[in-house]
PDB file of N, CA and C in Angstrom:
ATOM      1  N   MET A   1       4.862 -49.570   5.373  1.00  0.00           N
ATOM      2  CA  MET A   1       4.015 -49.411   4.215  1.00  0.00           C
ATOM      3  C   MET A   1       4.184 -50.653   3.364  1.00  0.00           C
ATOM      4  N   GLY A   2       3.083 -51.150   2.806  1.00  0.00           N
ATOM      5  CA  GLY A   2       3.137 -52.349   1.997  1.00  0.00           C
ATOM      6  C   GLY A   2       2.598 -52.108   0.608  1.00  0.00           C
ATOM      7  N   PHE A   3       2.826 -53.084  -0.251  1.00  0.00           N
ATOM      8  CA  PHE A   3       2.423 -53.006  -1.647  1.00  0.00           C
ATOM      9  C   PHE A   3       1.941 -54.381  -2.072  1.00  0.00           C
ATOM     10  N   GLU A   4       0.800 -54.428  -2.742  1.00  0.00           N
ATOM     11  CA  GLU A   4       0.275 -55.683  -3.259  1.00  0.00           C
ATOM     12  C   GLU A   4      -0.153 -55.451  -4.703  1.00  0.00           C
ATOM     13  N   ALA A   5       0.277 -56.308  -5.594  1.00  0.00           N
ATOM     14  CA  ALA A   5      -0.129 -56.204  -6.999  1.00  0.00           C
ATOM     15  C   ALA A   5      -0.679 -57.545  -7.452  1.00  0.00           C
ATOM     16  N   ILE A   6      -1.902 -57.529  -7.922  1.00  0.00           N
ATOM     17  CA  ILE A   6      -2.520 -58.695  -8.524  1.00  0.00           C
ATOM     18  C   ILE A   6      -3.079 -58.236  -9.864  1.00  0.00           C
ATOM     19  N   PRO A   7      -3.412 -59.125 -10.766  1.00  0.00           N
ATOM     20  CA  PRO A   7      -3.906 -58.668 -12.071  1.00  0.00           C
ATOM     21  C   PRO A   7      -5.029 -57.638 -11.942  1.00  0.00           C
ATOM     22  N   ASN A   8      -4.849 -56.502 -12.592  1.00  0.00           N
ATOM     23  CA  ASN A   8      -5.829 -55.414 -12.660  1.00  0.00           C
ATOM     24  C   ASN A   8      -6.064 -54.691 -11.339  1.00  0.00           C
ATOM     25  N   LYS A   9      -5.193 -54.875 -10.341  1.00  0.00           N
ATOM     26  CA  LYS A   9      -5.393 -54.180  -9.069  1.00  0.00           C
ATOM     27  C   LYS A   9      -4.053 -53.956  -8.369  1.00  0.00           C
ATOM     28  N   ILE A  10      -3.848 -52.743  -7.884  1.00  0.00           N
ATOM     29  CA  ILE A  10      -2.669 -52.403  -7.094  1.00  0.00           C
ATOM     30  C   ILE A  10      -3.163 -51.791  -5.793  1.00  0.00           C
ATOM     31  N   THR A  11      -2.648 -52.258  -4.662  1.00  0.00           N
ATOM     32  CA  THR A  11      -3.009 -51.692  -3.366  1.00  0.00           C
ATOM     33  C   THR A  11      -1.749 -51.203  -2.665  1.00  0.00           C
ATOM     34  N   LEU A  12      -1.778 -49.942  -2.213  1.00  0.00           N
ATOM     35  CA  LEU A  12      -0.698 -49.362  -1.426  1.00  0.00           C
ATOM     36  C   LEU A  12      -1.221 -49.174  -0.010  1.00  0.00           C
ATOM     37  N   GLU A  13      -0.610 -49.844   0.948  1.00  0.00           N
ATOM     38  CA  GLU A  13      -1.068 -49.751   2.328  1.00  0.00           C
ATOM     39  C   GLU A  13      -0.499 -48.507   2.988  1.00  0.00           C
ATOM     40  N   ASP A  14      -1.254 -47.961   3.943  1.00  0.00           N
ATOM     41  CA  ASP A  14      -0.788 -46.795   4.678  1.00  0.00           C
ATOM     42  C   ASP A  14       0.442 -47.163   5.509  1.00  0.00           C
ATOM     43  N   GLN A  15       1.112 -46.157   6.070  1.00  0.00           N
ATOM     44  CA  GLN A  15       2.366 -46.376   6.775  1.00  0.00           C
ATOM     45  C   GLN A  15       2.255 -47.332   7.950  1.00  0.00           C
ATOM     46  N   ASN A  16       1.232 -47.198   8.785  1.00  0.00           N
ATOM     47  CA  ASN A  16       1.163 -48.070   9.952  1.00  0.00           C
ATOM     48  C   ASN A  16       0.300 -49.299   9.704  1.00  0.00           C
ATOM     49  N   GLY A  17      -0.398 -49.321   8.572  1.00  0.00           N
ATOM     50  CA  GLY A  17      -1.154 -50.501   8.190  1.00  0.00           C
ATOM     51  C   GLY A  17      -2.402 -50.777   9.008  1.00  0.00           C
ATOM     52  N   THR A  18      -2.803 -49.831   9.852  1.00  0.00           N
ATOM     53  CA  THR A  18      -3.930 -50.112  10.737  1.00  0.00           C
ATOM     54  C   THR A  18      -5.077 -49.128  10.643  1.00  0.00           C
ATOM     55  N   ASP A  19      -4.876 -47.968  10.013  1.00  0.00           N
ATOM     56  CA  ASP A  19      -5.944 -46.971  10.064  1.00  0.00           C
ATOM     57  C   ASP A  19      -6.863 -46.983   8.846  1.00  0.00           C
ATOM     58  N   GLY A  20      -6.686 -47.927   7.939  1.00  0.00           N
ATOM     59  CA  GLY A  20      -7.619 -48.067   6.828  1.00  0.00           C
ATOM     60  C   GLY A  20      -7.463 -47.061   5.718  1.00  0.00           C
ATOM     61  N   ASN A  21      -6.348 -46.345   5.665  1.00  0.00           N
ATOM     62  CA  ASN A  21      -6.142 -45.337   4.627  1.00  0.00           C
ATOM     63  C   ASN A  21      -5.349 -45.890   3.452  1.00  0.00           C
ATOM     64  N   ASP A  22      -5.662 -47.105   3.044  1.00  0.00           N
ATOM     65  CA  ASP A  22      -5.007 -47.710   1.898  1.00  0.00           C
ATOM     66  C   ASP A  22      -5.486 -47.036   0.611  1.00  0.00           C
ATOM     67  N   ALA A  23      -4.647 -47.059  -0.425  1.00  0.00           N
ATOM     68  CA  ALA A  23      -5.027 -46.568  -1.744  1.00  0.00           C
ATOM     69  C   ALA A  23      -5.056 -47.746  -2.691  1.00  0.00           C
ATOM     70  N   THR A  24      -6.132 -47.886  -3.434  1.00  0.00           N
ATOM     71  CA  THR A  24      -6.258 -48.984  -4.382  1.00  0.00           C
ATOM     72  C   THR A  24      -6.565 -48.434  -5.759  1.00  0.00           C
ATOM     73  N   ILE A  25      -5.856 -48.928  -6.765  1.00  0.00           N
ATOM     74  CA  ILE A  25      -6.109 -48.600  -8.159  1.00  0.00           C
ATOM     75  C   ILE A  25      -6.598 -49.885  -8.807  1.00  0.00           C
ATOM     76  N   THR A  26      -7.806 -49.861  -9.332  1.00  0.00           N
ATOM     77  CA  THR A  26      -8.386 -51.057  -9.941  1.00  0.00           C
ATOM     78  C   THR A  26      -8.693 -50.789 -11.404  1.00  0.00           C
ATOM     79  N   ASN A  27      -8.289 -51.701 -12.265  1.00  0.00           N
ATOM     80  CA  ASN A  27      -8.547 -51.603 -13.694  1.00  0.00           C
ATOM     81  C   ASN A  27      -9.840 -52.334 -13.996  1.00  0.00           C
ATOM     82  N   THR A  28     -10.916 -51.577 -14.271  1.00  0.00           N
ATOM     83  CA  THR A  28     -12.201 -52.203 -14.575  1.00  0.00           C
ATOM     84  C   THR A  28     -12.562 -52.096 -16.052  1.00  0.00           C
ATOM     85  N   SER A  29     -11.843 -51.267 -16.788  1.00  0.00           N
ATOM     86  CA  SER A  29     -12.193 -51.050 -18.195  1.00  0.00           C
ATOM     87  C   SER A  29     -11.292 -51.813 -19.157  1.00  0.00           C
ATOM     88  N   GLY A  30     -10.268 -52.454 -18.661  1.00  0.00           N
ATOM     89  CA  GLY A  30      -9.318 -53.137 -19.524  1.00  0.00           C
ATOM     90  C   GLY A  30      -8.163 -52.257 -19.945  1.00  0.00           C
ATOM     91  N   VAL A  31      -8.261 -50.937 -19.714  1.00  0.00           N
ATOM     92  CA  VAL A  31      -7.182 -50.025 -20.067  1.00  0.00           C
ATOM     93  C   VAL A  31      -6.955 -49.063 -18.910  1.00  0.00           C
ATOM     94  N   LEU A  32      -5.804 -49.148 -18.310  1.00  0.00           N
ATOM     95  CA  LEU A  32      -5.446 -48.215 -17.238  1.00  0.00           C
ATOM     96  C   LEU A  32      -3.939 -48.056 -17.254  1.00  0.00           C
ATOM     97  N   ALA A  33      -3.476 -46.860 -17.449  1.00  0.00           N
ATOM     98  CA  ALA A  33      -2.042 -46.612 -17.466  1.00  0.00           C
ATOM     99  C   ALA A  33      -1.764 -45.281 -16.795  1.00  0.00           C
ATOM    100  N   ILE A  34      -1.419 -45.324 -15.523  1.00  0.00           N
ATOM    101  CA  ILE A  34      -1.015 -44.115 -14.817  1.00  0.00           C
ATOM    102  C   ILE A  34       0.477 -43.967 -15.045  1.00  0.00           C
ATOM    103  N   THR A  35       0.856 -42.903 -15.731  1.00  0.00           N
ATOM    104  CA  THR A  35       2.258 -42.721 -16.082  1.00  0.00           C
ATOM    105  C   THR A  35       2.990 -41.776 -15.144  1.00  0.00           C
ATOM    106  N   GLY A  36       2.267 -41.125 -14.253  1.00  0.00           N
ATOM    107  CA  GLY A  36       2.925 -40.252 -13.302  1.00  0.00           C
ATOM    108  C   GLY A  36       1.983 -39.712 -12.255  1.00  0.00           C
ATOM    109  N   ILE A  37       2.480 -39.605 -11.037  1.00  0.00           N
ATOM    110  CA  ILE A  37       1.736 -39.008  -9.933  1.00  0.00           C
ATOM    111  C   ILE A  37       2.712 -38.165  -9.131  1.00  0.00           C
ATOM    112  N   LYS A  38       2.338 -36.945  -8.840  1.00  0.00           N
ATOM    113  CA  LYS A  38       3.109 -36.071  -7.957  1.00  0.00           C
ATOM    114  C   LYS A  38       2.162 -35.521  -6.908  1.00  0.00           C
ATOM    115  N   VAL A  39       2.656 -35.382  -5.693  1.00  0.00           N
ATOM    116  CA  VAL A  39       1.878 -34.879  -4.562  1.00  0.00           C
ATOM    117  C   VAL A  39       2.660 -33.741  -3.926  1.00  0.00           C
ATOM    118  N   GLY A  40       1.964 -32.718  -3.474  1.00  0.00           N
ATOM    119  CA  GLY A  40       2.644 -31.617  -2.811  1.00  0.00           C
ATOM    120  C   GLY A  40       1.667 -30.712  -2.091  1.00  0.00           C
ATOM    121  N   THR A  41       2.191 -29.630  -1.574  1.00  0.00           N
ATOM    122  CA  THR A  41       1.365 -28.615  -0.928  1.00  0.00           C
ATOM    123  C   THR A  41       1.638 -27.262  -1.566  1.00  0.00           C
ATOM    124  N   ALA A  42       0.665 -26.393  -1.474  1.00  0.00           N
ATOM    125  CA  ALA A  42       0.779 -25.018  -1.937  1.00  0.00           C
ATOM    126  C   ALA A  42       0.033 -24.155  -0.939  1.00  0.00           C
ATOM    127  N   THR A  43       0.304 -22.882  -0.949  1.00  0.00           N
ATOM    128  CA  THR A  43      -0.362 -21.969  -0.027  1.00  0.00           C
ATOM    129  C   THR A  43      -1.041 -20.853  -0.795  1.00  0.00           C
ATOM    130  N   ILE A  44      -2.344 -20.713  -0.556  1.00  0.00           N
ATOM    131  CA  ILE A  44      -3.070 -19.560  -1.074  1.00  0.00           C
ATOM    132  C   ILE A  44      -2.964 -18.477  -0.001  1.00  0.00           C
ATOM    133  N   ALA A  45      -2.447 -17.336  -0.382  1.00  0.00           N
ATOM    134  CA  ALA A  45      -2.214 -16.241   0.569  1.00  0.00           C
ATOM    135  C   ALA A  45      -3.530 -15.739   1.164  1.00  0.00           C
ATOM    136  N   ALA A  46      -3.434 -15.082   2.307  1.00  0.00           N
ATOM    137  CA  ALA A  46      -4.604 -14.484   2.949  1.00  0.00           C
ATOM    138  C   ALA A  46      -5.317 -13.567   1.965  1.00  0.00           C
ATOM    139  N   ASN A  47      -6.629 -13.662   1.932  1.00  0.00           N
ATOM    140  CA  ASN A  47      -7.499 -12.844   1.082  1.00  0.00           C
ATOM    141  C   ASN A  47      -7.291 -13.060  -0.413  1.00  0.00           C
ATOM    142  N   ALA A  48      -6.571 -14.105  -0.807  1.00  0.00           N
ATOM    143  CA  ALA A  48      -6.361 -14.419  -2.225  1.00  0.00           C
ATOM    144  C   ALA A  48      -7.230 -15.613  -2.618  1.00  0.00           C
ATOM    145  N   GLN A  49      -7.360 -15.828  -3.911  1.00  0.00           N
ATOM    146  CA  GLN A  49      -8.165 -16.944  -4.397  1.00  0.00           C
ATOM    147  C   GLN A  49      -7.452 -17.759  -5.469  1.00  0.00           C
ATOM    148  N   THR A  50      -6.144 -17.578  -5.600  1.00  0.00           N
ATOM    149  CA  THR A  50      -5.405 -18.312  -6.623  1.00  0.00           C
ATOM    150  C   THR A  50      -3.954 -18.513  -6.200  1.00  0.00           C
ATOM    151  N   VAL A  51      -3.359 -19.594  -6.694  1.00  0.00           N
ATOM    152  CA  VAL A  51      -1.936 -19.838  -6.505  1.00  0.00           C
ATOM    153  C   VAL A  51      -1.438 -20.649  -7.701  1.00  0.00           C
ATOM    154  N   THR A  52      -0.250 -20.332  -8.180  1.00  0.00           N
ATOM    155  CA  THR A  52       0.384 -21.115  -9.242  1.00  0.00           C
ATOM    156  C   THR A  52       1.254 -22.170  -8.590  1.00  0.00           C
ATOM    157  N   VAL A  53       1.081 -23.417  -9.016  1.00  0.00           N
ATOM    158  CA  VAL A  53       1.769 -24.560  -8.421  1.00  0.00           C
ATOM    159  C   VAL A  53       2.742 -25.155  -9.437  1.00  0.00           C
ATOM    160  N   THR A  54       3.978 -25.398  -9.020  1.00  0.00           N
ATOM    161  CA  THR A  54       4.942 -26.129  -9.842  1.00  0.00           C
ATOM    162  C   THR A  54       4.854 -27.593  -9.441  1.00  0.00           C
ATOM    163  N   HIS A  55       4.442 -28.454 -10.374  1.00  0.00           N
ATOM    164  CA  HIS A  55       4.174 -29.856 -10.026  1.00  0.00           C
ATOM    165  C   HIS A  55       5.330 -30.809 -10.333  1.00  0.00           C
ATOM    166  N   SER A  56       6.245 -30.473 -11.234  1.00  0.00           N
ATOM    167  CA  SER A  56       7.412 -31.308 -11.568  1.00  0.00           C
ATOM    168  C   SER A  56       7.039 -32.707 -12.048  1.00  0.00           C
ATOM    169  N   LEU A  57       5.883 -32.863 -12.649  1.00  0.00           N
ATOM    170  CA  LEU A  57       5.446 -34.155 -13.162  1.00  0.00           C
ATOM    171  C   LEU A  57       6.196 -34.530 -14.441  1.00  0.00           C
ATOM    172  N   GLY A  58       6.673 -33.530 -15.165  1.00  0.00           N
ATOM    173  CA  GLY A  58       7.388 -33.793 -16.401  1.00  0.00           C
ATOM    174  C   GLY A  58       6.465 -33.971 -17.595  1.00  0.00           C
ATOM    175  N   ALA A  59       5.174 -33.834 -17.376  1.00  0.00           N
ATOM    176  CA  ALA A  59       4.154 -33.933 -18.421  1.00  0.00           C
ATOM    177  C   ALA A  59       2.929 -33.189 -17.933  1.00  0.00           C
ATOM    178  N   THR A  60       2.041 -32.845 -18.828  1.00  0.00           N
ATOM    179  CA  THR A  60       0.811 -32.170 -18.438  1.00  0.00           C
ATOM    180  C   THR A  60      -0.115 -33.169 -17.751  1.00  0.00           C
ATOM    181  N   PRO A  61      -0.540 -32.879 -16.518  1.00  0.00           N
ATOM    182  CA  PRO A  61      -1.432 -33.809 -15.805  1.00  0.00           C
ATOM    183  C   PRO A  61      -2.759 -33.985 -16.535  1.00  0.00           C
ATOM    184  N   THR A  62      -3.338 -35.157 -16.374  1.00  0.00           N
ATOM    185  CA  THR A  62      -4.678 -35.418 -16.872  1.00  0.00           C
ATOM    186  C   THR A  62      -5.710 -34.820 -15.930  1.00  0.00           C
ATOM    187  N   THR A  63      -5.418 -34.871 -14.635  1.00  0.00           N
ATOM    188  CA  THR A  63      -6.309 -34.302 -13.624  1.00  0.00           C
ATOM    189  C   THR A  63      -5.507 -33.880 -12.403  1.00  0.00           C
ATOM    190  N   VAL A  64      -6.094 -32.996 -11.625  1.00  0.00           N
ATOM    191  CA  VAL A  64      -5.496 -32.538 -10.370  1.00  0.00           C
ATOM    192  C   VAL A  64      -6.582 -32.576  -9.305  1.00  0.00           C
ATOM    193  N   LEU A  65      -6.242 -33.093  -8.137  1.00  0.00           N
ATOM    194  CA  LEU A  65      -7.170 -33.155  -7.005  1.00  0.00           C
ATOM    195  C   LEU A  65      -6.637 -32.284  -5.878  1.00  0.00           C
ATOM    196  N   PHE A  66      -7.548 -31.709  -5.065  1.00  0.00           N
ATOM    197  CA  PHE A  66      -7.158 -30.803  -3.990  1.00  0.00           C
ATOM    198  C   PHE A  66      -7.859 -31.126  -2.683  1.00  0.00           C
ATOM    199  N   ALA A  67      -7.225 -30.766  -1.588  1.00  0.00           N
ATOM    200  CA  ALA A  67      -7.849 -30.736  -0.264  1.00  0.00           C
ATOM    201  C   ALA A  67      -7.245 -29.538   0.464  1.00  0.00           C
ATOM    202  N   ALA A  68      -8.094 -28.682   1.025  1.00  0.00           N
ATOM    203  CA  ALA A  68      -7.626 -27.469   1.696  1.00  0.00           C
ATOM    204  C   ALA A  68      -7.740 -27.605   3.211  1.00  0.00           C
ATOM    205  N   SER A  69      -6.860 -26.891   3.923  1.00  0.00           N
ATOM    206  CA  SER A  69      -6.876 -26.924   5.385  1.00  0.00           C
ATOM    207  C   SER A  69      -7.988 -26.051   5.966  1.00  0.00           C
ATOM    208  N   GLN A  70      -8.570 -25.170   5.169  1.00  0.00           N
ATOM    209  CA  GLN A  70      -9.694 -24.334   5.579  1.00  0.00           C
ATOM    210  C   GLN A  70     -10.709 -24.320   4.436  1.00  0.00           C
ATOM    211  N   ASN A  71     -11.924 -23.901   4.722  1.00  0.00           N
ATOM    212  CA  ASN A  71     -12.954 -23.862   3.705  1.00  0.00           C
ATOM    213  C   ASN A  71     -12.667 -22.743   2.703  1.00  0.00           C
ATOM    214  N   LEU A  72     -12.344 -23.143   1.488  1.00  0.00           N
ATOM    215  CA  LEU A  72     -12.106 -22.186   0.410  1.00  0.00           C
ATOM    216  C   LEU A  72     -13.174 -22.292  -0.670  1.00  0.00           C
ATOM    217  N   GLY A  73     -14.299 -22.911  -0.331  1.00  0.00           N
ATOM    218  CA  GLY A  73     -15.333 -23.113  -1.337  1.00  0.00           C
ATOM    219  C   GLY A  73     -14.892 -24.182  -2.314  1.00  0.00           C
ATOM    220  N   THR A  74     -15.219 -23.983  -3.567  1.00  0.00           N
ATOM    221  CA  THR A  74     -14.862 -24.942  -4.611  1.00  0.00           C
ATOM    222  C   THR A  74     -13.446 -24.672  -5.105  1.00  0.00           C
ATOM    223  N   LEU A  75     -12.638 -25.728  -5.191  1.00  0.00           N
ATOM    224  CA  LEU A  75     -11.281 -25.619  -5.730  1.00  0.00           C
ATOM    225  C   LEU A  75     -11.265 -26.197  -7.142  1.00  0.00           C
ATOM    226  N   THR A  76     -10.709 -25.447  -8.081  1.00  0.00           N
ATOM    227  CA  THR A  76     -10.598 -25.895  -9.463  1.00  0.00           C
ATOM    228  C   THR A  76      -9.184 -25.624  -9.963  1.00  0.00           C
ATOM    229  N   TYR A  77      -8.837 -26.254 -11.088  1.00  0.00           N
ATOM    230  CA  TYR A  77      -7.533 -25.981 -11.675  1.00  0.00           C
ATOM    231  C   TYR A  77      -7.710 -25.347 -13.052  1.00  0.00           C
ATOM    232  N   ALA A  78      -6.664 -24.639 -13.473  1.00  0.00           N
ATOM    233  CA  ALA A  78      -6.659 -23.988 -14.774  1.00  0.00           C
ATOM    234  C   ALA A  78      -5.232 -23.988 -15.301  1.00  0.00           C
ATOM    235  N   SER A  79      -5.088 -23.738 -16.570  1.00  0.00           N
ATOM    236  CA  SER A  79      -3.775 -23.602 -17.203  1.00  0.00           C
ATOM    237  C   SER A  79      -2.850 -24.774 -16.914  1.00  0.00           C
ATOM    238  N   LEU A  80      -3.381 -26.003 -17.089  1.00  0.00           N
ATOM    239  CA  LEU A  80      -2.534 -27.180 -16.896  1.00  0.00           C
ATOM    240  C   LEU A  80      -1.399 -27.150 -17.901  1.00  0.00           C
ATOM    241  N   GLY A  81      -0.190 -27.311 -17.405  1.00  0.00           N
ATOM    242  CA  GLY A  81       0.979 -27.349 -18.275  1.00  0.00           C
ATOM    243  C   GLY A  81       1.942 -28.437 -17.835  1.00  0.00           C
ATOM    244  N   SER A  82       3.024 -28.588 -18.557  1.00  0.00           N
ATOM    245  CA  SER A  82       3.983 -29.652 -18.250  1.00  0.00           C
ATOM    246  C   SER A  82       4.792 -29.376 -16.989  1.00  0.00           C
ATOM    247  N   THR A  83       4.750 -28.139 -16.470  1.00  0.00           N
ATOM    248  CA  THR A  83       5.487 -27.823 -15.245  1.00  0.00           C
ATOM    249  C   THR A  83       4.633 -27.166 -14.161  1.00  0.00           C
ATOM    250  N   THR A  84       3.526 -26.503 -14.556  1.00  0.00           N
ATOM    251  CA  THR A  84       2.712 -25.785 -13.563  1.00  0.00           C
ATOM    252  C   THR A  84       1.220 -25.919 -13.863  1.00  0.00           C
ATOM    253  N   PHE A  85       0.418 -25.572 -12.858  1.00  0.00           N
ATOM    254  CA  PHE A  85      -1.016 -25.392 -13.031  1.00  0.00           C
ATOM    255  C   PHE A  85      -1.432 -24.304 -12.047  1.00  0.00           C
ATOM    256  N   ILE A  86      -2.622 -23.775 -12.222  1.00  0.00           N
ATOM    257  CA  ILE A  86      -3.150 -22.754 -11.322  1.00  0.00           C
ATOM    258  C   ILE A  86      -4.292 -23.357 -10.526  1.00  0.00           C
ATOM    259  N   CYS A  87      -4.280 -23.154  -9.221  1.00  0.00           N
ATOM    260  CA  CYS A  87      -5.371 -23.566  -8.352  1.00  0.00           C
ATOM    261  C   CYS A  87      -6.210 -22.326  -8.038  1.00  0.00           C
ATOM    262  N   ASN A  88      -7.506 -22.418  -8.305  1.00  0.00           N
ATOM    263  CA  ASN A  88      -8.442 -21.330  -8.035  1.00  0.00           C
ATOM    264  C   ASN A  88      -9.430 -21.764  -6.965  1.00  0.00           C
ATOM    265  N   SER A  89      -9.779 -20.853  -6.066  1.00  0.00           N
ATOM    266  CA  SER A  89     -10.810 -21.135  -5.068  1.00  0.00           C
ATOM    267  C   SER A  89     -11.963 -20.165  -5.264  1.00  0.00           C
ATOM    268  N   SER A  90     -13.159 -20.600  -4.883  1.00  0.00           N
ATOM    269  CA  SER A  90     -14.329 -19.738  -5.037  1.00  0.00           C
ATOM    270  C   SER A  90     -14.527 -18.823  -3.832  1.00  0.00           C
ATOM    271  N   ALA A  91     -13.686 -18.975  -2.817  1.00  0.00           N
ATOM    272  CA  ALA A  91     -13.769 -18.135  -1.618  1.00  0.00           C
ATOM    273  C   ALA A  91     -12.357 -17.863  -1.117  1.00  0.00           C
ATOM    274  N   SER A  92     -12.240 -16.940  -0.179  1.00  0.00           N
ATOM    275  CA  SER A  92     -10.942 -16.657   0.437  1.00  0.00           C
ATOM    276  C   SER A  92     -11.121 -16.557   1.941  1.00  0.00           C
ATOM    277  N   THR A  93     -10.011 -16.618   2.645  1.00  0.00           N
ATOM    278  CA  THR A  93     -10.036 -16.465   4.093  1.00  0.00           C
ATOM    279  C   THR A  93      -9.083 -15.342   4.481  1.00  0.00           C
ATOM    280  N   GLY A  94      -9.150 -14.898   5.700  1.00  0.00           N
ATOM    281  CA  GLY A  94      -8.280 -13.833   6.182  1.00  0.00           C
ATOM    282  C   GLY A  94      -6.886 -14.317   6.530  1.00  0.00           C
ATOM    283  N   THR A  95      -6.646 -15.615   6.408  1.00  0.00           N
ATOM    284  CA  THR A  95      -5.323 -16.177   6.692  1.00  0.00           C
ATOM    285  C   THR A  95      -4.862 -17.040   5.524  1.00  0.00           C
ATOM    286  N   ALA A  96      -3.570 -17.264   5.439  1.00  0.00           N
ATOM    287  CA  ALA A  96      -3.034 -18.146   4.403  1.00  0.00           C
ATOM    288  C   ALA A  96      -3.592 -19.555   4.611  1.00  0.00           C
ATOM    289  N   THR A  97      -3.866 -20.251   3.515  1.00  0.00           N
ATOM    290  CA  THR A  97      -4.468 -21.584   3.575  1.00  0.00           C
ATOM    291  C   THR A  97      -3.610 -22.575   2.806  1.00  0.00           C
ATOM    292  N   THR A  98      -3.258 -23.665   3.457  1.00  0.00           N
ATOM    293  CA  THR A  98      -2.475 -24.726   2.819  1.00  0.00           C
ATOM    294  C   THR A  98      -3.396 -25.655   2.042  1.00  0.00           C
ATOM    295  N   ILE A  99      -2.953 -26.014   0.857  1.00  0.00           N
ATOM    296  CA  ILE A  99      -3.687 -26.928  -0.011  1.00  0.00           C
ATOM    297  C   ILE A  99      -2.797 -28.132  -0.300  1.00  0.00           C
ATOM    298  N   LEU A 100      -3.342 -29.324  -0.107  1.00  0.00           N
ATOM    299  CA  LEU A 100      -2.681 -30.542  -0.544  1.00  0.00           C
ATOM    300  C   LEU A 100      -3.158 -30.810  -1.958  1.00  0.00           C
ATOM    301  N   TRP A 101      -2.241 -31.078  -2.881  1.00  0.00           N
ATOM    302  CA  TRP A 101      -2.621 -31.349  -4.263  1.00  0.00           C
ATOM    303  C   TRP A 101      -2.004 -32.656  -4.738  1.00  0.00           C
ATOM    304  N   ILE A 102      -2.684 -33.289  -5.683  1.00  0.00           N
ATOM    305  CA  ILE A 102      -2.192 -34.502  -6.332  1.00  0.00           C
ATOM    306  C   ILE A 102      -2.382 -34.295  -7.832  1.00  0.00           C
ATOM    307  N   ALA A 103      -1.297 -34.364  -8.592  1.00  0.00           N
ATOM    308  CA  ALA A 103      -1.350 -34.254 -10.042  1.00  0.00           C
ATOM    309  C   ALA A 103      -1.142 -35.647 -10.629  1.00  0.00           C
ATOM    310  N   ILE A 104      -2.034 -36.070 -11.522  1.00  0.00           N
ATOM    311  CA  ILE A 104      -2.006 -37.417 -12.077  1.00  0.00           C
ATOM    312  C   ILE A 104      -1.981 -37.345 -13.604  1.00  0.00           C
ATOM    313  N   LYS A 105      -1.102 -38.123 -14.208  1.00  0.00           N
ATOM    314  CA  LYS A 105      -1.043 -38.257 -15.665  1.00  0.00           C
ATOM    315  C   LYS A 105      -1.461 -39.686 -16.009  1.00  0.00           C
ATOM    316  N   VAL A 106      -2.558 -39.813 -16.749  1.00  0.00           N
ATOM    317  CA  VAL A 106      -3.053 -41.113 -17.181  1.00  0.00           C
ATOM    318  C   VAL A 106      -2.838 -41.221 -18.672  1.00  0.00           C
ATOM    319  N   GLY A 107      -2.364 -42.369 -19.110  1.00  0.00           N
ATOM    320  CA  GLY A 107      -2.221 -42.610 -20.540  1.00  0.00           C
ATOM    321  C   GLY A 107      -0.815 -42.618 -21.021  1.00  0.00           C
TER     322      GLY A 107
END
């Protein structure tokens, strides 16, 4: 994994450096301060539509992003706090579903 920092741009290369899954943060507005990022997984139980996630960010996230292993419809967050948030889905499945989440604190 590699790291490149130039004025107003940070690029984090993926582990093998060949599959194009790099992450880039670019400052286009003159103000960008990401003060924390946490990544994890959570599981929404079979036939459920909500899960409480402990994010350990140490501050209330500015935003949370999700990706689910199965179609759960629209995923949203609620009750953002300094230690937890709630992930809600607009649909449920008959099996437990893993969700990848990213909590970001900007500012």
